N, C-alpha and C. Protein backbone atom coordinates (compact mmCIF):
# COMPACT_ATOMS: atom_id res chain seq x y z
N MET A 1 -13.13 111.12 60.30
CA MET A 1 -13.76 109.86 59.97
C MET A 1 -14.25 109.88 58.53
N ALA A 2 -14.36 108.64 58.04
CA ALA A 2 -14.81 108.50 56.66
C ALA A 2 -16.32 108.57 56.60
N ALA A 3 -16.79 108.95 55.45
CA ALA A 3 -18.24 109.06 55.26
C ALA A 3 -18.82 107.68 55.04
N PRO A 4 -19.99 107.40 55.57
CA PRO A 4 -20.60 106.08 55.39
C PRO A 4 -21.01 105.88 53.93
N ILE A 5 -20.99 104.60 53.52
CA ILE A 5 -21.39 104.24 52.15
C ILE A 5 -22.91 104.24 52.11
N THR A 6 -23.43 104.99 51.19
CA THR A 6 -24.88 105.10 51.11
C THR A 6 -25.44 104.45 49.85
N SER A 7 -24.59 104.20 48.88
CA SER A 7 -25.08 103.54 47.67
C SER A 7 -23.99 102.61 47.13
N ILE A 8 -24.45 101.55 46.50
CA ILE A 8 -23.53 100.58 45.91
C ILE A 8 -23.69 100.66 44.40
N LYS A 9 -22.58 100.88 43.74
CA LYS A 9 -22.63 100.95 42.28
C LYS A 9 -22.28 99.57 41.71
N ARG A 10 -23.19 99.06 40.93
CA ARG A 10 -22.97 97.78 40.28
C ARG A 10 -22.43 98.03 38.90
N THR A 11 -21.35 97.31 38.61
CA THR A 11 -20.83 97.43 37.25
C THR A 11 -21.32 96.23 36.47
N GLU A 12 -22.07 96.49 35.45
CA GLU A 12 -22.60 95.44 34.61
C GLU A 12 -21.64 95.23 33.45
N ARG A 13 -21.34 93.98 33.21
CA ARG A 13 -20.41 93.66 32.14
C ARG A 13 -21.18 93.52 30.84
N SER A 14 -20.57 93.94 29.78
CA SER A 14 -21.23 93.84 28.48
C SER A 14 -21.09 92.41 27.94
N GLU A 15 -21.87 92.11 26.94
CA GLU A 15 -21.83 90.80 26.30
C GLU A 15 -20.45 90.53 25.73
N LEU A 16 -19.82 91.53 25.17
CA LEU A 16 -18.48 91.40 24.59
C LEU A 16 -17.46 91.05 25.66
N GLU A 17 -17.55 91.67 26.85
CA GLU A 17 -16.62 91.36 27.94
C GLU A 17 -16.81 89.92 28.43
N ILE A 18 -18.05 89.48 28.50
CA ILE A 18 -18.33 88.11 28.94
C ILE A 18 -17.74 87.12 27.94
N GLN A 19 -17.91 87.38 26.64
CA GLN A 19 -17.36 86.50 25.62
C GLN A 19 -15.84 86.48 25.67
N GLN A 20 -15.23 87.64 25.90
CA GLN A 20 -13.76 87.71 25.98
C GLN A 20 -13.26 86.91 27.18
N ASP A 21 -13.95 86.98 28.30
CA ASP A 21 -13.56 86.20 29.48
C ASP A 21 -13.67 84.70 29.20
N LYS A 22 -14.75 84.31 28.52
CA LYS A 22 -14.93 82.90 28.18
C LYS A 22 -13.84 82.42 27.23
N LEU A 23 -13.49 83.26 26.25
CA LEU A 23 -12.41 82.91 25.32
C LEU A 23 -11.08 82.78 26.05
N ALA A 24 -10.83 83.67 26.98
CA ALA A 24 -9.58 83.62 27.75
C ALA A 24 -9.52 82.33 28.58
N GLU A 25 -10.65 81.95 29.19
CA GLU A 25 -10.70 80.72 29.97
C GLU A 25 -10.51 79.50 29.07
N LEU A 26 -11.11 79.51 27.88
CA LEU A 26 -10.95 78.42 26.92
C LEU A 26 -9.51 78.31 26.46
N GLN A 27 -8.85 79.44 26.19
CA GLN A 27 -7.44 79.42 25.79
C GLN A 27 -6.58 78.84 26.89
N LYS A 28 -6.90 79.17 28.12
CA LYS A 28 -6.15 78.64 29.26
C LYS A 28 -6.30 77.11 29.33
N GLN A 29 -7.53 76.61 29.15
CA GLN A 29 -7.77 75.18 29.20
C GLN A 29 -7.07 74.47 28.03
N ILE A 30 -7.08 75.08 26.86
CA ILE A 30 -6.40 74.48 25.71
C ILE A 30 -4.90 74.38 25.97
N ALA A 31 -4.34 75.42 26.55
CA ALA A 31 -2.90 75.42 26.85
C ALA A 31 -2.57 74.34 27.88
N GLU A 32 -3.45 74.15 28.86
CA GLU A 32 -3.19 73.15 29.90
C GLU A 32 -3.36 71.72 29.37
N GLN A 33 -4.23 71.53 28.42
CA GLN A 33 -4.54 70.20 27.92
C GLN A 33 -4.01 69.96 26.50
N GLU A 34 -2.92 70.61 26.17
CA GLU A 34 -2.39 70.56 24.81
C GLU A 34 -2.11 69.12 24.35
N GLU A 35 -1.45 68.33 25.18
CA GLU A 35 -1.09 66.97 24.80
C GLU A 35 -2.33 66.11 24.57
N SER A 36 -3.31 66.23 25.46
CA SER A 36 -4.54 65.45 25.30
C SER A 36 -5.26 65.85 24.03
N LEU A 37 -5.34 67.13 23.75
CA LEU A 37 -6.02 67.59 22.54
C LEU A 37 -5.31 67.12 21.28
N GLN A 38 -3.99 67.08 21.31
CA GLN A 38 -3.25 66.60 20.15
C GLN A 38 -3.56 65.12 19.90
N LYS A 39 -3.64 64.34 20.97
CA LYS A 39 -3.98 62.91 20.82
C LYS A 39 -5.39 62.75 20.26
N ILE A 40 -6.32 63.55 20.75
CA ILE A 40 -7.69 63.49 20.25
C ILE A 40 -7.72 63.84 18.77
N MET A 41 -6.96 64.84 18.37
CA MET A 41 -6.93 65.25 16.97
C MET A 41 -6.32 64.13 16.10
N GLU A 42 -5.29 63.45 16.61
CA GLU A 42 -4.70 62.33 15.88
C GLU A 42 -5.70 61.19 15.70
N ILE A 43 -6.42 60.89 16.79
CA ILE A 43 -7.40 59.80 16.74
C ILE A 43 -8.51 60.13 15.74
N THR A 44 -9.03 61.34 15.81
CA THR A 44 -10.10 61.71 14.88
C THR A 44 -9.58 61.75 13.44
N GLY A 45 -8.33 62.13 13.26
CA GLY A 45 -7.74 62.11 11.92
C GLY A 45 -7.67 60.70 11.36
N GLU A 46 -7.25 59.75 12.20
CA GLU A 46 -7.18 58.36 11.76
C GLU A 46 -8.58 57.80 11.49
N LEU A 47 -9.54 58.13 12.35
CA LEU A 47 -10.91 57.68 12.13
C LEU A 47 -11.47 58.24 10.82
N HIS A 48 -11.10 59.47 10.49
CA HIS A 48 -11.55 60.08 9.24
C HIS A 48 -10.89 59.38 8.04
N LYS A 49 -9.61 59.04 8.17
CA LYS A 49 -8.90 58.38 7.06
C LYS A 49 -9.53 57.03 6.71
N ILE A 50 -9.93 56.28 7.72
CA ILE A 50 -10.48 54.95 7.45
C ILE A 50 -11.98 54.99 7.17
N GLY A 51 -12.58 56.16 7.25
CA GLY A 51 -13.99 56.31 6.91
C GLY A 51 -14.94 56.05 8.07
N ALA A 52 -14.41 55.87 9.27
CA ALA A 52 -15.27 55.57 10.42
C ALA A 52 -16.15 56.76 10.78
N LEU A 53 -15.64 57.97 10.63
CA LEU A 53 -16.45 59.14 10.96
C LEU A 53 -17.61 59.29 9.99
N ASP A 54 -17.36 59.00 8.71
CA ASP A 54 -18.45 59.07 7.73
C ASP A 54 -19.52 58.03 8.06
N ALA A 55 -19.07 56.83 8.43
CA ALA A 55 -20.02 55.77 8.78
C ALA A 55 -20.82 56.16 10.02
N LEU A 56 -20.16 56.72 11.00
CA LEU A 56 -20.83 57.15 12.23
C LEU A 56 -21.85 58.25 11.92
N GLN A 57 -21.46 59.18 11.07
CA GLN A 57 -22.36 60.26 10.70
C GLN A 57 -23.58 59.70 9.96
N ALA A 58 -23.37 58.76 9.06
CA ALA A 58 -24.49 58.14 8.35
C ALA A 58 -25.40 57.39 9.32
N MET A 59 -24.81 56.73 10.30
CA MET A 59 -25.61 56.03 11.31
C MET A 59 -26.45 57.01 12.11
N LEU A 60 -25.89 58.15 12.46
CA LEU A 60 -26.64 59.14 13.22
C LEU A 60 -27.80 59.69 12.40
N HIS A 61 -27.59 59.87 11.10
CA HIS A 61 -28.67 60.37 10.24
C HIS A 61 -29.77 59.32 10.08
N SER A 62 -29.42 58.04 10.18
CA SER A 62 -30.38 56.95 9.99
C SER A 62 -30.77 56.28 11.30
N LYS A 63 -30.68 56.99 12.39
CA LYS A 63 -30.88 56.37 13.70
C LYS A 63 -32.27 55.74 13.86
N GLU A 64 -33.31 56.34 13.28
CA GLU A 64 -34.65 55.76 13.41
C GLU A 64 -34.72 54.41 12.70
N LYS A 65 -34.14 54.34 11.50
CA LYS A 65 -34.16 53.08 10.75
C LYS A 65 -33.37 52.00 11.49
N ILE A 66 -32.20 52.39 11.99
CA ILE A 66 -31.34 51.42 12.70
C ILE A 66 -32.04 50.92 13.96
N THR A 67 -32.68 51.82 14.68
CA THR A 67 -33.39 51.42 15.89
C THR A 67 -34.52 50.45 15.55
N GLY A 68 -35.23 50.73 14.46
CA GLY A 68 -36.31 49.83 14.04
C GLY A 68 -35.79 48.45 13.69
N ILE A 69 -34.68 48.40 12.98
CA ILE A 69 -34.08 47.11 12.60
C ILE A 69 -33.63 46.35 13.85
N ALA A 70 -32.96 47.07 14.77
CA ALA A 70 -32.47 46.43 16.00
C ALA A 70 -33.63 45.87 16.82
N LEU A 71 -34.70 46.66 16.96
CA LEU A 71 -35.85 46.17 17.72
C LEU A 71 -36.50 44.99 17.03
N GLY A 72 -36.54 45.01 15.70
CA GLY A 72 -37.08 43.88 14.96
C GLY A 72 -36.28 42.62 15.18
N GLN A 73 -34.96 42.76 15.22
CA GLN A 73 -34.10 41.59 15.43
C GLN A 73 -34.22 41.06 16.85
N VAL A 74 -34.29 41.96 17.81
CA VAL A 74 -34.36 41.55 19.22
C VAL A 74 -35.68 40.86 19.51
N SER A 75 -36.74 41.26 18.83
CA SER A 75 -38.04 40.68 19.13
C SER A 75 -38.30 39.36 18.39
N ARG A 76 -37.35 38.87 17.60
CA ARG A 76 -37.50 37.58 16.93
C ARG A 76 -37.52 36.45 17.95
N GLU A 77 -38.20 35.37 17.62
CA GLU A 77 -38.35 34.26 18.57
C GLU A 77 -37.02 33.66 19.04
N PRO A 78 -36.04 33.42 18.16
CA PRO A 78 -34.78 32.86 18.67
C PRO A 78 -34.09 33.77 19.69
N VAL A 79 -34.18 35.07 19.49
CA VAL A 79 -33.54 35.99 20.43
C VAL A 79 -34.29 36.01 21.74
N THR A 80 -35.62 36.05 21.69
CA THR A 80 -36.38 36.03 22.93
C THR A 80 -36.18 34.71 23.67
N ASN A 81 -36.07 33.60 22.92
CA ASN A 81 -35.77 32.31 23.57
C ASN A 81 -34.41 32.36 24.26
N LEU A 82 -33.42 32.95 23.58
CA LEU A 82 -32.09 33.07 24.17
C LEU A 82 -32.13 33.88 25.46
N LEU A 83 -32.83 35.01 25.42
CA LEU A 83 -32.93 35.86 26.62
C LEU A 83 -33.65 35.13 27.75
N ASN A 84 -34.74 34.42 27.41
CA ASN A 84 -35.45 33.67 28.45
C ASN A 84 -34.58 32.57 29.03
N ASN A 85 -33.80 31.88 28.17
CA ASN A 85 -32.91 30.83 28.66
C ASN A 85 -31.80 31.39 29.53
N LEU A 86 -31.26 32.56 29.14
CA LEU A 86 -30.23 33.20 29.96
C LEU A 86 -30.78 33.56 31.34
N MET A 87 -31.99 34.10 31.36
CA MET A 87 -32.60 34.46 32.64
C MET A 87 -32.87 33.22 33.49
N ALA A 88 -33.33 32.15 32.87
CA ALA A 88 -33.58 30.91 33.61
C ALA A 88 -32.26 30.33 34.13
N GLY A 89 -31.22 30.37 33.28
CA GLY A 89 -29.90 29.89 33.71
C GLY A 89 -29.35 30.70 34.87
N ALA A 90 -29.54 32.01 34.79
CA ALA A 90 -29.08 32.87 35.88
C ALA A 90 -29.84 32.55 37.16
N GLY A 91 -31.13 32.26 37.03
CA GLY A 91 -31.93 31.89 38.20
C GLY A 91 -31.43 30.61 38.82
N ILE A 92 -31.06 29.64 37.98
CA ILE A 92 -30.53 28.37 38.50
C ILE A 92 -29.21 28.62 39.23
N LEU A 93 -28.34 29.41 38.60
CA LEU A 93 -27.04 29.66 39.21
C LEU A 93 -27.15 30.39 40.53
N THR A 94 -28.11 31.29 40.66
CA THR A 94 -28.25 32.02 41.92
C THR A 94 -28.83 31.13 43.01
N ALA A 95 -29.55 30.08 42.63
CA ALA A 95 -30.14 29.19 43.62
C ALA A 95 -29.16 28.15 44.14
N LEU A 96 -28.06 27.92 43.42
CA LEU A 96 -27.10 26.89 43.81
C LEU A 96 -26.07 27.41 44.79
N ASP A 97 -25.59 26.52 45.64
CA ASP A 97 -24.56 26.86 46.61
C ASP A 97 -23.22 26.98 45.89
N PRO A 98 -22.54 28.12 46.00
CA PRO A 98 -21.26 28.31 45.29
C PRO A 98 -20.20 27.27 45.66
N ALA A 99 -20.19 26.84 46.91
CA ALA A 99 -19.19 25.85 47.34
C ALA A 99 -19.42 24.52 46.62
N THR A 100 -20.69 24.14 46.46
CA THR A 100 -21.01 22.90 45.76
C THR A 100 -20.60 22.98 44.30
N ILE A 101 -20.89 24.12 43.68
CA ILE A 101 -20.53 24.31 42.27
C ILE A 101 -19.02 24.29 42.11
N GLN A 102 -18.30 24.90 43.03
CA GLN A 102 -16.83 24.92 42.96
C GLN A 102 -16.29 23.49 43.10
N GLN A 103 -16.81 22.73 44.04
CA GLN A 103 -16.35 21.35 44.22
C GLN A 103 -16.68 20.52 42.99
N LEU A 104 -17.88 20.70 42.44
CA LEU A 104 -18.28 19.95 41.25
C LEU A 104 -17.39 20.32 40.06
N SER A 105 -17.07 21.59 39.94
CA SER A 105 -16.20 22.05 38.85
C SER A 105 -14.81 21.43 38.96
N LYS A 106 -14.25 21.43 40.16
CA LYS A 106 -12.93 20.82 40.35
C LYS A 106 -12.98 19.33 40.07
N SER A 107 -14.06 18.67 40.47
CA SER A 107 -14.21 17.23 40.22
C SER A 107 -14.27 16.95 38.72
N VAL A 108 -15.00 17.78 37.98
CA VAL A 108 -15.09 17.60 36.53
C VAL A 108 -13.71 17.79 35.90
N GLN A 109 -12.97 18.79 36.35
CA GLN A 109 -11.63 19.02 35.82
C GLN A 109 -10.72 17.83 36.08
N THR A 110 -10.76 17.32 37.29
CA THR A 110 -9.94 16.16 37.63
C THR A 110 -10.35 14.95 36.79
N GLY A 111 -11.66 14.75 36.66
CA GLY A 111 -12.15 13.63 35.86
C GLY A 111 -11.73 13.73 34.41
N LEU A 112 -11.82 14.92 33.84
CA LEU A 112 -11.40 15.11 32.45
C LEU A 112 -9.91 14.86 32.28
N SER A 113 -9.13 15.29 33.25
CA SER A 113 -7.69 15.08 33.19
C SER A 113 -7.35 13.60 33.19
N GLU A 114 -7.98 12.85 34.09
CA GLU A 114 -7.72 11.41 34.16
C GLU A 114 -8.26 10.69 32.93
N ALA A 115 -9.39 11.16 32.40
CA ALA A 115 -9.96 10.54 31.19
C ALA A 115 -9.01 10.74 30.01
N GLU A 116 -8.45 11.94 29.88
CA GLU A 116 -7.49 12.20 28.80
C GLU A 116 -6.26 11.30 28.94
N GLN A 117 -5.78 11.18 30.18
CA GLN A 117 -4.60 10.36 30.43
C GLN A 117 -4.89 8.90 30.06
N GLY A 118 -6.03 8.38 30.47
CA GLY A 118 -6.40 7.01 30.14
C GLY A 118 -6.59 6.83 28.64
N ASN A 119 -7.11 7.83 27.98
CA ASN A 119 -7.32 7.77 26.54
C ASN A 119 -5.99 7.75 25.80
N GLU A 120 -5.02 8.54 26.27
CA GLU A 120 -3.70 8.58 25.64
C GLU A 120 -2.96 7.26 25.82
N GLU A 121 -3.18 6.61 26.95
CA GLU A 121 -2.52 5.33 27.22
C GLU A 121 -3.22 4.19 26.48
N GLY A 122 -4.38 4.46 25.90
CA GLY A 122 -5.11 3.44 25.15
C GLY A 122 -5.73 2.38 26.03
N GLN A 123 -6.12 2.76 27.23
CA GLN A 123 -6.72 1.80 28.16
C GLN A 123 -8.05 1.29 27.61
N LYS A 124 -8.30 -0.01 27.84
CA LYS A 124 -9.57 -0.61 27.46
C LYS A 124 -10.17 -1.23 28.71
N THR A 125 -11.49 -1.22 28.78
CA THR A 125 -12.18 -1.74 29.96
C THR A 125 -12.98 -2.97 29.57
N GLY A 126 -12.71 -4.04 30.29
CA GLY A 126 -13.47 -5.27 30.08
C GLY A 126 -14.64 -5.34 31.05
N LEU A 127 -15.51 -6.31 30.84
CA LEU A 127 -16.70 -6.45 31.67
C LEU A 127 -16.33 -6.76 33.11
N LEU A 128 -15.34 -7.63 33.32
CA LEU A 128 -14.93 -7.97 34.68
C LEU A 128 -14.33 -6.75 35.38
N GLN A 129 -13.52 -5.98 34.64
CA GLN A 129 -12.92 -4.78 35.22
C GLN A 129 -14.01 -3.76 35.57
N LEU A 130 -15.05 -3.68 34.74
CA LEU A 130 -16.16 -2.77 35.01
C LEU A 130 -16.87 -3.16 36.29
N MET A 131 -17.10 -4.44 36.48
CA MET A 131 -17.77 -4.92 37.70
C MET A 131 -16.91 -4.65 38.93
N LYS A 132 -15.59 -4.86 38.82
CA LYS A 132 -14.69 -4.61 39.95
C LYS A 132 -14.61 -3.13 40.29
N SER A 133 -14.73 -2.28 39.27
CA SER A 133 -14.57 -0.84 39.49
C SER A 133 -15.66 -0.25 40.36
N ILE A 134 -16.79 -0.95 40.46
CA ILE A 134 -17.87 -0.45 41.32
C ILE A 134 -17.42 -0.42 42.77
N ASN A 135 -16.48 -1.30 43.14
CA ASN A 135 -15.96 -1.32 44.51
C ASN A 135 -14.93 -0.23 44.77
N ASP A 136 -14.42 0.40 43.72
CA ASP A 136 -13.48 1.52 43.88
C ASP A 136 -14.24 2.68 44.53
N PRO A 137 -13.73 3.20 45.67
CA PRO A 137 -14.47 4.25 46.39
C PRO A 137 -14.71 5.51 45.54
N ASP A 138 -13.74 5.89 44.70
CA ASP A 138 -13.91 7.08 43.88
C ASP A 138 -15.01 6.88 42.83
N ILE A 139 -14.98 5.73 42.18
CA ILE A 139 -15.99 5.44 41.15
C ILE A 139 -17.35 5.27 41.80
N ASN A 140 -17.39 4.60 42.95
CA ASN A 140 -18.66 4.40 43.65
C ASN A 140 -19.26 5.75 44.07
N ARG A 141 -18.40 6.66 44.54
CA ARG A 141 -18.87 7.99 44.95
C ARG A 141 -19.48 8.73 43.75
N ALA A 142 -18.81 8.67 42.59
CA ALA A 142 -19.31 9.35 41.40
C ALA A 142 -20.61 8.71 40.91
N LEU A 143 -20.68 7.36 40.95
CA LEU A 143 -21.91 6.68 40.53
C LEU A 143 -23.07 7.02 41.46
N THR A 144 -22.82 7.04 42.76
CA THR A 144 -23.87 7.38 43.72
C THR A 144 -24.34 8.81 43.51
N PHE A 145 -23.39 9.72 43.30
CA PHE A 145 -23.74 11.12 43.02
C PHE A 145 -24.61 11.20 41.77
N GLY A 146 -24.20 10.51 40.72
CA GLY A 146 -24.94 10.53 39.47
C GLY A 146 -26.33 9.94 39.61
N MET A 147 -26.44 8.84 40.35
CA MET A 147 -27.76 8.22 40.53
C MET A 147 -28.67 9.13 41.35
N ASN A 148 -28.13 9.76 42.39
CA ASN A 148 -28.93 10.70 43.18
C ASN A 148 -29.35 11.91 42.33
N PHE A 149 -28.44 12.37 41.50
CA PHE A 149 -28.77 13.48 40.58
C PHE A 149 -29.91 13.08 39.66
N LEU A 150 -29.80 11.90 39.06
CA LEU A 150 -30.84 11.43 38.14
C LEU A 150 -32.18 11.23 38.86
N LYS A 151 -32.13 10.75 40.10
CA LYS A 151 -33.35 10.56 40.88
C LYS A 151 -34.03 11.91 41.13
N GLY A 152 -33.24 12.90 41.55
CA GLY A 152 -33.79 14.24 41.79
C GLY A 152 -34.31 14.86 40.51
N MET A 153 -33.60 14.67 39.43
CA MET A 153 -34.03 15.21 38.14
C MET A 153 -35.33 14.56 37.71
N GLY A 154 -35.46 13.28 37.93
CA GLY A 154 -36.72 12.58 37.61
C GLY A 154 -37.88 13.10 38.41
N ARG A 155 -37.66 13.38 39.70
CA ARG A 155 -38.72 13.98 40.51
C ARG A 155 -39.10 15.35 39.97
N GLY A 156 -38.10 16.11 39.57
CA GLY A 156 -38.37 17.43 39.02
C GLY A 156 -39.13 17.36 37.72
N LEU A 157 -38.89 16.34 36.92
CA LEU A 157 -39.59 16.19 35.65
C LEU A 157 -41.05 15.76 35.84
N GLU A 158 -41.34 15.14 36.98
CA GLU A 158 -42.71 14.70 37.25
C GLU A 158 -43.63 15.91 37.47
N LYS A 159 -43.08 16.96 38.09
CA LYS A 159 -43.87 18.17 38.37
C LYS A 159 -43.94 19.02 37.10
N PRO A 160 -45.11 19.63 36.85
CA PRO A 160 -45.21 20.51 35.69
C PRO A 160 -44.35 21.77 35.88
N ALA A 161 -43.80 22.27 34.77
CA ALA A 161 -42.96 23.48 34.82
C ALA A 161 -43.81 24.67 35.20
N GLU A 162 -43.23 25.53 36.02
CA GLU A 162 -43.97 26.72 36.48
C GLU A 162 -43.62 27.90 35.63
């Protein structure tokens, strides 16, 4: 029978061996990714030719100044108004029914198409034709929608903004 193992010898690798293993692994990765590395080198070469790398390096050196300028611009009243308006607009859009907005959008497209067609034909509307058009179901529907919209908007204007 074999003798039992009574001690374990640990082999400690030197710093030089660890570095050599890392270099070997890096060489292996370079060999596997040769095409990608060549493309990266071409891209960086082109960026260097046009001066983009120099500009980027200058920007990195001046990052505190650039950040200060950007914050100064963002905190200006027109920009804050724009951001507040975007947030309010987003709030309105999230409150509306998507099906209603889709139908309204299609209606506007159809209306614009017919308006262009009538404009190209040079149509003119007289007072009598205007009075008769109120009986047209499509025009009456649009007028009723518009009047209801204006009525609701008027109610909304009566209340103070929150």
